[in-house]
Amino acid sequence: GETAVNMFKENQDQYDLITLDLNLPKKDGITVAKEIRAISP
């Protein structure tokens, strides 16, 4: 999850869609979804 958030922050205008697992190391999917939504609604 931590890598995912960092990758999205760096390339948010490049991505068309995200597939997100719920059970992840470092940051779970719920946390990742919340942080990504704060960056891009």
ModelCIF file with pLDDT and N, C-alpha, C, O atoms, coordinates in Angstrom:
data_MODEL
#
_entry.id   MODEL 
#
_entity.id                         1 
_entity.type                       polymer 
_entity.pdbx_number_of_molecules   1 
#
_entity_poly.entity_id                      1 
_entity_poly.type                           'polypeptide(L)' 
_entity_poly.nstd_linkage                   no 
_entity_poly.nstd_monomer                   no 
_entity_poly.pdbx_seq_one_letter_code       GETAVNMFKENQDQYDLITLDLNLPKKDGITVAKEIRAISP 
_entity_poly.pdbx_seq_one_letter_code_can   GETAVNMFKENQDQYDLITLDLNLPKKDGITVAKEIRAISP 
_entity_poly.pdbx_strand_id                 A 
#
loop_
_entity_poly_seq.entity_id 
_entity_poly_seq.num 
_entity_poly_seq.mon_id 
_entity_poly_seq.hetero 
1 1  GLY n 
1 2  GLU n 
1 3  THR n 
1 4  ALA n 
1 5  VAL n 
1 6  ASN n 
1 7  MET n 
1 8  PHE n 
1 9  LYS n 
1 10 GLU n 
1 11 ASN n 
1 12 GLN n 
1 13 ASP n 
1 14 GLN n 
1 15 TYR n 
1 16 ASP n 
1 17 LEU n 
1 18 ILE n 
1 19 THR n 
1 20 LEU n 
1 21 ASP n 
1 22 LEU n 
1 23 ASN n 
1 24 LEU n 
1 25 PRO n 
1 26 LYS n 
1 27 LYS n 
1 28 ASP n 
1 29 GLY n 
1 30 ILE n 
1 31 THR n 
1 32 VAL n 
1 33 ALA n 
1 34 LYS n 
1 35 GLU n 
1 36 ILE n 
1 37 ARG n 
1 38 ALA n 
1 39 ILE n 
1 40 SER n 
1 41 PRO n 
#
_struct_asym.id          A 
_struct_asym.entity_id   1 
#
loop_
_ma_qa_metric.id 
_ma_qa_metric.mode 
_ma_qa_metric.name 
_ma_qa_metric.software_group_id 
_ma_qa_metric.type 
1 global pLDDT . pLDDT 
2 local  pLDDT . pLDDT 
#
_ma_qa_metric_global.metric_id      1 
_ma_qa_metric_global.metric_value   89.59 
_ma_qa_metric_global.model_id       1 
_ma_qa_metric_global.ordinal_id     1 
#
loop_
_ma_qa_metric_local.label_asym_id 
_ma_qa_metric_local.label_comp_id 
_ma_qa_metric_local.label_seq_id 
_ma_qa_metric_local.metric_id 
_ma_qa_metric_local.metric_value 
_ma_qa_metric_local.model_id 
_ma_qa_metric_local.ordinal_id 
A GLY 1  2 92.00 1 1  
A GLU 2  2 94.00 1 2  
A THR 3  2 95.00 1 3  
A ALA 4  2 95.00 1 4  
A VAL 5  2 94.00 1 5  
A ASN 6  2 94.00 1 6  
A MET 7  2 94.00 1 7  
A PHE 8  2 94.00 1 8  
A LYS 9  2 91.00 1 9  
A GLU 10 2 90.00 1 10 
A ASN 11 2 87.00 1 11 
A GLN 12 2 85.00 1 12 
A ASP 13 2 86.00 1 13 
A GLN 14 2 89.00 1 14 
A TYR 15 2 92.00 1 15 
A ASP 16 2 90.00 1 16 
A LEU 17 2 92.00 1 17 
A ILE 18 2 94.00 1 18 
A THR 19 2 93.00 1 19 
A LEU 20 2 92.00 1 20 
A ASP 21 2 90.00 1 21 
A LEU 22 2 86.00 1 22 
A ASN 23 2 85.00 1 23 
A LEU 24 2 90.00 1 24 
A PRO 25 2 91.00 1 25 
A LYS 26 2 91.00 1 26 
A LYS 27 2 91.00 1 27 
A ASP 28 2 88.00 1 28 
A GLY 29 2 86.00 1 29 
A ILE 30 2 85.00 1 30 
A THR 31 2 89.00 1 31 
A VAL 32 2 91.00 1 32 
A ALA 33 2 88.00 1 33 
A LYS 34 2 86.00 1 34 
A GLU 35 2 91.00 1 35 
A ILE 36 2 91.00 1 36 
A ARG 37 2 86.00 1 37 
A ALA 38 2 85.00 1 38 
A ILE 39 2 87.00 1 39 
A SER 40 2 85.00 1 40 
A PRO 41 2 78.00 1 41 
#
loop_
_atom_site.group_PDB 
_atom_site.id 
_atom_site.type_symbol 
_atom_site.label_atom_id 
_atom_site.label_alt_id 
_atom_site.label_comp_id 
_atom_site.label_asym_id 
_atom_site.label_entity_id 
_atom_site.label_seq_id 
_atom_site.pdbx_PDB_ins_code 
_atom_site.Cartn_x 
_atom_site.Cartn_y 
_atom_site.Cartn_z 
_atom_site.occupancy 
_atom_site.B_iso_or_equiv 
_atom_site.pdbx_formal_charge 
_atom_site.auth_seq_id 
_atom_site.auth_comp_id 
_atom_site.auth_asym_id 
_atom_site.auth_atom_id 
_atom_site.pdbx_PDB_model_num 
ATOM 1   N N  . GLY A 1 1  ? 0.786   -1.223 0.000   1.00 92.00 ? 1  GLY A N  1 
ATOM 2   C CA . GLY A 1 1  ? 0.000   0.000  0.000   1.00 92.00 ? 1  GLY A CA 1 
ATOM 3   C C  . GLY A 1 1  ? 0.819   1.274  0.000   1.00 92.00 ? 1  GLY A C  1 
ATOM 4   O O  . GLY A 1 1  ? 0.443   2.258  -0.638  1.00 92.00 ? 1  GLY A O  1 
ATOM 5   N N  . GLU A 1 2  ? 1.924   1.264  0.703   1.00 94.00 ? 2  GLU A N  1 
ATOM 6   C CA . GLU A 1 2  ? 2.757   2.463  0.763   1.00 94.00 ? 2  GLU A CA 1 
ATOM 7   C C  . GLU A 1 2  ? 3.330   2.800  -0.605  1.00 94.00 ? 2  GLU A C  1 
ATOM 8   O O  . GLU A 1 2  ? 3.327   3.959  -1.021  1.00 94.00 ? 2  GLU A O  1 
ATOM 9   N N  . THR A 1 3  ? 3.823   1.777  -1.303  1.00 95.00 ? 3  THR A N  1 
ATOM 10  C CA . THR A 1 3  ? 4.358   1.986  -2.651  1.00 95.00 ? 3  THR A CA 1 
ATOM 11  C C  . THR A 1 3  ? 3.266   2.486  -3.591  1.00 95.00 ? 3  THR A C  1 
ATOM 12  O O  . THR A 1 3  ? 3.509   3.364  -4.420  1.00 95.00 ? 3  THR A O  1 
ATOM 13  N N  . ALA A 1 4  ? 2.066   1.929  -3.460  1.00 95.00 ? 4  ALA A N  1 
ATOM 14  C CA . ALA A 1 4  ? 0.953   2.313  -4.331  1.00 95.00 ? 4  ALA A CA 1 
ATOM 15  C C  . ALA A 1 4  ? 0.631   3.795  -4.202  1.00 95.00 ? 4  ALA A C  1 
ATOM 16  O O  . ALA A 1 4  ? 0.463   4.484  -5.208  1.00 95.00 ? 4  ALA A O  1 
ATOM 17  N N  . VAL A 1 5  ? 0.544   4.292  -2.963  1.00 94.00 ? 5  VAL A N  1 
ATOM 18  C CA . VAL A 1 5  ? 0.218   5.700  -2.743  1.00 94.00 ? 5  VAL A CA 1 
ATOM 19  C C  . VAL A 1 5  ? 1.312   6.589  -3.331  1.00 94.00 ? 5  VAL A C  1 
ATOM 20  O O  . VAL A 1 5  ? 1.019   7.601  -3.969  1.00 94.00 ? 5  VAL A O  1 
ATOM 21  N N  . ASN A 1 6  ? 2.558   6.213  -3.118  1.00 94.00 ? 6  ASN A N  1 
ATOM 22  C CA . ASN A 1 6  ? 3.670   7.005  -3.647  1.00 94.00 ? 6  ASN A CA 1 
ATOM 23  C C  . ASN A 1 6  ? 3.667   7.021  -5.169  1.00 94.00 ? 6  ASN A C  1 
ATOM 24  O O  . ASN A 1 6  ? 3.901   8.064  -5.781  1.00 94.00 ? 6  ASN A O  1 
ATOM 25  N N  . MET A 1 7  ? 3.402   5.860  -5.790  1.00 94.00 ? 7  MET A N  1 
ATOM 26  C CA . MET A 1 7  ? 3.354   5.791  -7.242  1.00 94.00 ? 7  MET A CA 1 
ATOM 27  C C  . MET A 1 7  ? 2.230   6.661  -7.796  1.00 94.00 ? 7  MET A C  1 
ATOM 28  O O  . MET A 1 7  ? 2.398   7.326  -8.819  1.00 94.00 ? 7  MET A O  1 
ATOM 29  N N  . PHE A 1 8  ? 1.093   6.654  -7.120  1.00 94.00 ? 8  PHE A N  1 
ATOM 30  C CA . PHE A 1 8  ? -0.029  7.454  -7.599  1.00 94.00 ? 8  PHE A CA 1 
ATOM 31  C C  . PHE A 1 8  ? 0.255   8.943  -7.436  1.00 94.00 ? 8  PHE A C  1 
ATOM 32  O O  . PHE A 1 8  ? -0.079  9.738  -8.314  1.00 94.00 ? 8  PHE A O  1 
ATOM 33  N N  . LYS A 1 9  ? 0.865   9.323  -6.326  1.00 91.00 ? 9  LYS A N  1 
ATOM 34  C CA . LYS A 1 9  ? 1.214   10.733 -6.124  1.00 91.00 ? 9  LYS A CA 1 
ATOM 35  C C  . LYS A 1 9  ? 2.106   11.241 -7.243  1.00 91.00 ? 9  LYS A C  1 
ATOM 36  O O  . LYS A 1 9  ? 1.938   12.364 -7.718  1.00 91.00 ? 9  LYS A O  1 
ATOM 37  N N  . GLU A 1 10 ? 3.055   10.414 -7.664  1.00 90.00 ? 10 GLU A N  1 
ATOM 38  C CA . GLU A 1 10 ? 4.026   10.824 -8.675  1.00 90.00 ? 10 GLU A CA 1 
ATOM 39  C C  . GLU A 1 10 ? 3.454   10.818 -10.089 1.00 90.00 ? 10 GLU A C  1 
ATOM 40  O O  . GLU A 1 10 ? 3.948   11.526 -10.967 1.00 90.00 ? 10 GLU A O  1 
ATOM 41  N N  . ASN A 1 11 ? 2.391   10.002 -10.312 1.00 87.00 ? 11 ASN A N  1 
ATOM 42  C CA . ASN A 1 11 ? 1.889   9.824  -11.681 1.00 87.00 ? 11 ASN A CA 1 
ATOM 43  C C  . ASN A 1 11 ? 0.368   9.919  -11.767 1.00 87.00 ? 11 ASN A C  1 
ATOM 44  O O  . ASN A 1 11 ? -0.241  9.279  -12.625 1.00 87.00 ? 11 ASN A O  1 
ATOM 45  N N  . GLN A 1 12 ? -0.253  10.710 -10.890 1.00 85.00 ? 12 GLN A N  1 
ATOM 46  C CA . GLN A 1 12 ? -1.712  10.710 -10.803 1.00 85.00 ? 12 GLN A CA 1 
ATOM 47  C C  . GLN A 1 12 ? -2.400  11.095 -12.101 1.00 85.00 ? 12 GLN A C  1 
ATOM 48  O O  . GLN A 1 12 ? -3.504  10.622 -12.368 1.00 85.00 ? 12 GLN A O  1 
ATOM 49  N N  . ASP A 1 13 ? -1.786  11.932 -12.907 1.00 86.00 ? 13 ASP A N  1 
ATOM 50  C CA . ASP A 1 13 ? -2.396  12.336 -14.171 1.00 86.00 ? 13 ASP A CA 1 
ATOM 51  C C  . ASP A 1 13 ? -2.213  11.296 -15.267 1.00 86.00 ? 13 ASP A C  1 
ATOM 52  O O  . ASP A 1 13 ? -2.782  11.423 -16.351 1.00 86.00 ? 13 ASP A O  1 
ATOM 53  N N  . GLN A 1 14 ? -1.419  10.268 -14.983 1.00 89.00 ? 14 GLN A N  1 
ATOM 54  C CA . GLN A 1 14 ? -1.119  9.260  -15.993 1.00 89.00 ? 14 GLN A CA 1 
ATOM 55  C C  . GLN A 1 14 ? -2.088  8.079  -15.951 1.00 89.00 ? 14 GLN A C  1 
ATOM 56  O O  . GLN A 1 14 ? -2.283  7.393  -16.954 1.00 89.00 ? 14 GLN A O  1 
ATOM 57  N N  . TYR A 1 15 ? -2.691  7.846  -14.785 1.00 92.00 ? 15 TYR A N  1 
ATOM 58  C CA . TYR A 1 15 ? -3.488  6.633  -14.605 1.00 92.00 ? 15 TYR A CA 1 
ATOM 59  C C  . TYR A 1 15 ? -4.958  6.842  -14.981 1.00 92.00 ? 15 TYR A C  1 
ATOM 60  O O  . TYR A 1 15 ? -5.545  7.896  -14.736 1.00 92.00 ? 15 TYR A O  1 
ATOM 61  N N  . ASP A 1 16 ? -5.525  5.794  -15.586 1.00 90.00 ? 16 ASP A N  1 
ATOM 62  C CA . ASP A 1 16 ? -6.942  5.793  -15.953 1.00 90.00 ? 16 ASP A CA 1 
ATOM 63  C C  . ASP A 1 16 ? -7.796  5.036  -14.948 1.00 90.00 ? 16 ASP A C  1 
ATOM 64  O O  . ASP A 1 16 ? -9.000  5.274  -14.853 1.00 90.00 ? 16 ASP A O  1 
ATOM 65  N N  . LEU A 1 17 ? -7.173  4.108  -14.186 1.00 92.00 ? 17 LEU A N  1 
ATOM 66  C CA . LEU A 1 17 ? -7.945  3.265  -13.277 1.00 92.00 ? 17 LEU A CA 1 
ATOM 67  C C  . LEU A 1 17 ? -6.996  2.549  -12.331 1.00 92.00 ? 17 LEU A C  1 
ATOM 68  O O  . LEU A 1 17 ? -5.829  2.327  -12.655 1.00 92.00 ? 17 LEU A O  1 
ATOM 69  N N  . ILE A 1 18 ? -7.510  2.189  -11.153 1.00 94.00 ? 18 ILE A N  1 
ATOM 70  C CA . ILE A 1 18 ? -6.729  1.449  -10.158 1.00 94.00 ? 18 ILE A CA 1 
ATOM 71  C C  . ILE A 1 18 ? -7.478  0.190  -9.751  1.00 94.00 ? 18 ILE A C  1 
ATOM 72  O O  . ILE A 1 18 ? -8.672  0.253  -9.456  1.00 94.00 ? 18 ILE A O  1 
ATOM 73  N N  . THR A 1 19 ? -6.793  -0.964 -9.729  1.00 93.00 ? 19 THR A N  1 
ATOM 74  C CA . THR A 1 19 ? -7.334  -2.157 -9.078  1.00 93.00 ? 19 THR A CA 1 
ATOM 75  C C  . THR A 1 19 ? -6.596  -2.281 -7.754  1.00 93.00 ? 19 THR A C  1 
ATOM 76  O O  . THR A 1 19 ? -5.367  -2.239 -7.711  1.00 93.00 ? 19 THR A O  1 
ATOM 77  N N  . LEU A 1 20 ? -7.354  -2.434 -6.678  1.00 92.00 ? 20 LEU A N  1 
ATOM 78  C CA . LEU A 1 20 ? -6.782  -2.306 -5.335  1.00 92.00 ? 20 LEU A CA 1 
ATOM 79  C C  . LEU A 1 20 ? -7.189  -3.481 -4.457  1.00 92.00 ? 20 LEU A C  1 
ATOM 80  O O  . LEU A 1 20 ? -8.375  -3.681 -4.192  1.00 92.00 ? 20 LEU A O  1 
ATOM 81  N N  . ASP A 1 21 ? -6.208  -4.260 -4.006  1.00 90.00 ? 21 ASP A N  1 
ATOM 82  C CA . ASP A 1 21 ? -6.470  -5.350 -3.077  1.00 90.00 ? 21 ASP A CA 1 
ATOM 83  C C  . ASP A 1 21 ? -6.746  -4.779 -1.687  1.00 90.00 ? 21 ASP A C  1 
ATOM 84  O O  . ASP A 1 21 ? -6.193  -3.743 -1.318  1.00 90.00 ? 21 ASP A O  1 
ATOM 85  N N  . LEU A 1 22 ? -7.588  -5.445 -0.929  1.00 86.00 ? 22 LEU A N  1 
ATOM 86  C CA . LEU A 1 22 ? -7.924  -4.953 0.408   1.00 86.00 ? 22 LEU A CA 1 
ATOM 87  C C  . LEU A 1 22 ? -6.840  -5.303 1.420   1.00 86.00 ? 22 LEU A C  1 
ATOM 88  O O  . LEU A 1 22 ? -6.492  -4.479 2.267   1.00 86.00 ? 22 LEU A O  1 
ATOM 89  N N  . ASN A 1 23 ? -6.306  -6.518 1.338   1.00 85.00 ? 23 ASN A N  1 
ATOM 90  C CA . ASN A 1 23 ? -5.302  -6.978 2.301   1.00 85.00 ? 23 ASN A CA 1 
ATOM 91  C C  . ASN A 1 23 ? -3.911  -6.756 1.733   1.00 85.00 ? 23 ASN A C  1 
ATOM 92  O O  . ASN A 1 23 ? -3.462  -7.495 0.857   1.00 85.00 ? 23 ASN A O  1 
ATOM 93  N N  . LEU A 1 24 ? -3.230  -5.731 2.239   1.00 90.00 ? 24 LEU A N  1 
ATOM 94  C CA . LEU A 1 24 ? -1.914  -5.360 1.729   1.00 90.00 ? 24 LEU A CA 1 
ATOM 95  C C  . LEU A 1 24 ? -0.938  -5.128 2.881   1.00 90.00 ? 24 LEU A C  1 
ATOM 96  O O  . LEU A 1 24 ? -1.352  -4.733 3.971   1.00 90.00 ? 24 LEU A O  1 
ATOM 97  N N  . PRO A 1 25 ? 0.349   -5.367 2.651   1.00 91.00 ? 25 PRO A N  1 
ATOM 98  C CA . PRO A 1 25 ? 1.345   -5.004 3.667   1.00 91.00 ? 25 PRO A CA 1 
ATOM 99  C C  . PRO A 1 25 ? 1.588   -3.508 3.693   1.00 91.00 ? 25 PRO A C  1 
ATOM 100 O O  . PRO A 1 25 ? 1.321   -2.802 2.720   1.00 91.00 ? 25 PRO A O  1 
ATOM 101 N N  . LYS A 1 26 ? 2.097   -3.034 4.821   1.00 91.00 ? 26 LYS A N  1 
ATOM 102 C CA . LYS A 1 26 ? 2.474   -1.632 5.067   1.00 91.00 ? 26 LYS A CA 1 
ATOM 103 C C  . LYS A 1 26 ? 1.265   -0.710 5.197   1.00 91.00 ? 26 LYS A C  1 
ATOM 104 O O  . LYS A 1 26 ? 1.120   -0.033 6.215   1.00 91.00 ? 26 LYS A O  1 
ATOM 105 N N  . LYS A 1 27 ? 0.401   -0.670 4.195   1.00 91.00 ? 27 LYS A N  1 
ATOM 106 C CA . LYS A 1 27 ? -0.860  0.066  4.288   1.00 91.00 ? 27 LYS A CA 1 
ATOM 107 C C  . LYS A 1 27 ? -1.941  -0.797 3.664   1.00 91.00 ? 27 LYS A C  1 
ATOM 108 O O  . LYS A 1 27 ? -1.790  -1.271 2.538   1.00 91.00 ? 27 LYS A O  1 
ATOM 109 N N  . ASP A 1 28 ? -3.042  -1.005 4.399   1.00 88.00 ? 28 ASP A N  1 
ATOM 110 C CA . ASP A 1 28 ? -4.102  -1.845 3.832   1.00 88.00 ? 28 ASP A CA 1 
ATOM 111 C C  . ASP A 1 28 ? -4.892  -1.078 2.774   1.00 88.00 ? 28 ASP A C  1 
ATOM 112 O O  . ASP A 1 28 ? -4.744  0.134  2.615   1.00 88.00 ? 28 ASP A O  1 
ATOM 113 N N  . GLY A 1 29 ? -5.741  -1.825 2.050   1.00 86.00 ? 29 GLY A N  1 
ATOM 114 C CA . GLY A 1 29 ? -6.487  -1.234 0.946   1.00 86.00 ? 29 GLY A CA 1 
ATOM 115 C C  . GLY A 1 29 ? -7.409  -0.110 1.366   1.00 86.00 ? 29 GLY A C  1 
ATOM 116 O O  . GLY A 1 29 ? -7.600  0.848  0.617   1.00 86.00 ? 29 GLY A O  1 
ATOM 117 N N  . ILE A 1 30 ? -7.981  -0.212 2.553   1.00 85.00 ? 30 ILE A N  1 
ATOM 118 C CA . ILE A 1 30 ? -8.878  0.840  3.037   1.00 85.00 ? 30 ILE A CA 1 
ATOM 119 C C  . ILE A 1 30 ? -8.102  2.149  3.197   1.00 85.00 ? 30 ILE A C  1 
ATOM 120 O O  . ILE A 1 30 ? -8.572  3.208  2.781   1.00 85.00 ? 30 ILE A O  1 
ATOM 121 N N  . THR A 1 31 ? -6.917  2.072  3.798   1.00 89.00 ? 31 THR A N  1 
ATOM 122 C CA . THR A 1 31 ? -6.089  3.266  3.977   1.00 89.00 ? 31 THR A CA 1 
ATOM 123 C C  . THR A 1 31 ? -5.652  3.827  2.637   1.00 89.00 ? 31 THR A C  1 
ATOM 124 O O  . THR A 1 31 ? -5.675  5.038  2.421   1.00 89.00 ? 31 THR A O  1 
ATOM 125 N N  . VAL A 1 32 ? -5.251  2.931  1.735   1.00 91.00 ? 32 VAL A N  1 
ATOM 126 C CA . VAL A 1 32 ? -4.815  3.369  0.405   1.00 91.00 ? 32 VAL A CA 1 
ATOM 127 C C  . VAL A 1 32 ? -5.946  4.080  -0.327  1.00 91.00 ? 32 VAL A C  1 
ATOM 128 O O  . VAL A 1 32 ? -5.737  5.144  -0.910  1.00 91.00 ? 32 VAL A O  1 
ATOM 129 N N  . ALA A 1 33 ? -7.149  3.494  -0.299  1.00 88.00 ? 33 ALA A N  1 
ATOM 130 C CA . ALA A 1 33 ? -8.296  4.112  -0.969  1.00 88.00 ? 33 ALA A CA 1 
ATOM 131 C C  . ALA A 1 33 ? -8.570  5.498  -0.408  1.00 88.00 ? 33 ALA A C  1 
ATOM 132 O O  . ALA A 1 33 ? -8.857  6.436  -1.151  1.00 88.00 ? 33 ALA A O  1 
ATOM 133 N N  . LYS A 1 34 ? -8.479  5.614  0.902   1.00 86.00 ? 34 LYS A N  1 
ATOM 134 C CA . LYS A 1 34 ? -8.746  6.900  1.550   1.00 86.00 ? 34 LYS A CA 1 
ATOM 135 C C  . LYS A 1 34 ? -7.714  7.947  1.121   1.00 86.00 ? 34 LYS A C  1 
ATOM 136 O O  . LYS A 1 34 ? -8.073  9.090  0.835   1.00 86.00 ? 34 LYS A O  1 
ATOM 137 N N  . GLU A 1 35 ? -6.440  7.562  1.076   1.00 91.00 ? 35 GLU A N  1 
ATOM 138 C CA . GLU A 1 35 ? -5.391  8.512  0.718   1.00 91.00 ? 35 GLU A CA 1 
ATOM 139 C C  . GLU A 1 35 ? -5.437  8.877  -0.766  1.00 91.00 ? 35 GLU A C  1 
ATOM 140 O O  . GLU A 1 35 ? -5.183  10.024 -1.135  1.00 91.00 ? 35 GLU A O  1 
ATOM 141 N N  . ILE A 1 36 ? -5.759  7.906  -1.609  1.00 91.00 ? 36 ILE A N  1 
ATOM 142 C CA . ILE A 1 36 ? -5.862  8.192  -3.044  1.00 91.00 ? 36 ILE A CA 1 
ATOM 143 C C  . ILE A 1 36 ? -7.060  9.087  -3.321  1.00 91.00 ? 36 ILE A C  1 
ATOM 144 O O  . ILE A 1 36 ? -6.974  9.984  -4.160  1.00 91.00 ? 36 ILE A O  1 
ATOM 145 N N  . ARG A 1 37 ? -8.169  8.863  -2.636  1.00 86.00 ? 37 ARG A N  1 
ATOM 146 C CA . ARG A 1 37 ? -9.346  9.711  -2.820  1.00 86.00 ? 37 ARG A CA 1 
ATOM 147 C C  . ARG A 1 37 ? -9.063  11.145 -2.369  1.00 86.00 ? 37 ARG A C  1 
ATOM 148 O O  . ARG A 1 37 ? -9.629  12.092 -2.915  1.00 86.00 ? 37 ARG A O  1 
ATOM 149 N N  . ALA A 1 38 ? -8.187  11.305 -1.373  1.00 85.00 ? 38 ALA A N  1 
ATOM 150 C CA . ALA A 1 38 ? -7.825  12.659 -0.936  1.00 85.00 ? 38 ALA A CA 1 
ATOM 151 C C  . ALA A 1 38 ? -7.010  13.373 -2.013  1.00 85.00 ? 38 ALA A C  1 
ATOM 152 O O  . ALA A 1 38 ? -7.044  14.599 -2.115  1.00 85.00 ? 38 ALA A O  1 
ATOM 153 N N  . ILE A 1 39 ? -6.280  12.601 -2.810  1.00 87.00 ? 39 ILE A N  1 
ATOM 154 C CA . ILE A 1 39 ? -5.485  13.170 -3.903  1.00 87.00 ? 39 ILE A CA 1 
ATOM 155 C C  . ILE A 1 39 ? -6.349  13.413 -5.127  1.00 87.00 ? 39 ILE A C  1 
ATOM 156 O O  . ILE A 1 39 ? -6.270  14.467 -5.759  1.00 87.00 ? 39 ILE A O  1 
ATOM 157 N N  . SER A 1 40 ? -7.185  12.417 -5.460  1.00 85.00 ? 40 SER A N  1 
ATOM 158 C CA . SER A 1 40 ? -8.030  12.499 -6.657  1.00 85.00 ? 40 SER A CA 1 
ATOM 159 C C  . SER A 1 40 ? -9.409  11.928 -6.366  1.00 85.00 ? 40 SER A C  1 
ATOM 160 O O  . SER A 1 40 ? -9.539  10.722 -6.155  1.00 85.00 ? 40 SER A O  1 
ATOM 161 N N  . PRO A 1 41 ? -10.442 12.764 -6.349  1.00 78.00 ? 41 PRO A N  1 
ATOM 162 C CA . PRO A 1 41 ? -11.799 12.279 -6.083  1.00 78.00 ? 41 PRO A CA 1 
ATOM 163 C C  . PRO A 1 41 ? -12.376 11.460 -7.235  1.00 78.00 ? 41 PRO A C  1 
ATOM 164 O O  . PRO A 1 41 ? -13.510 10.988 -7.149  1.00 78.00 ? 41 PRO A O  1 
#
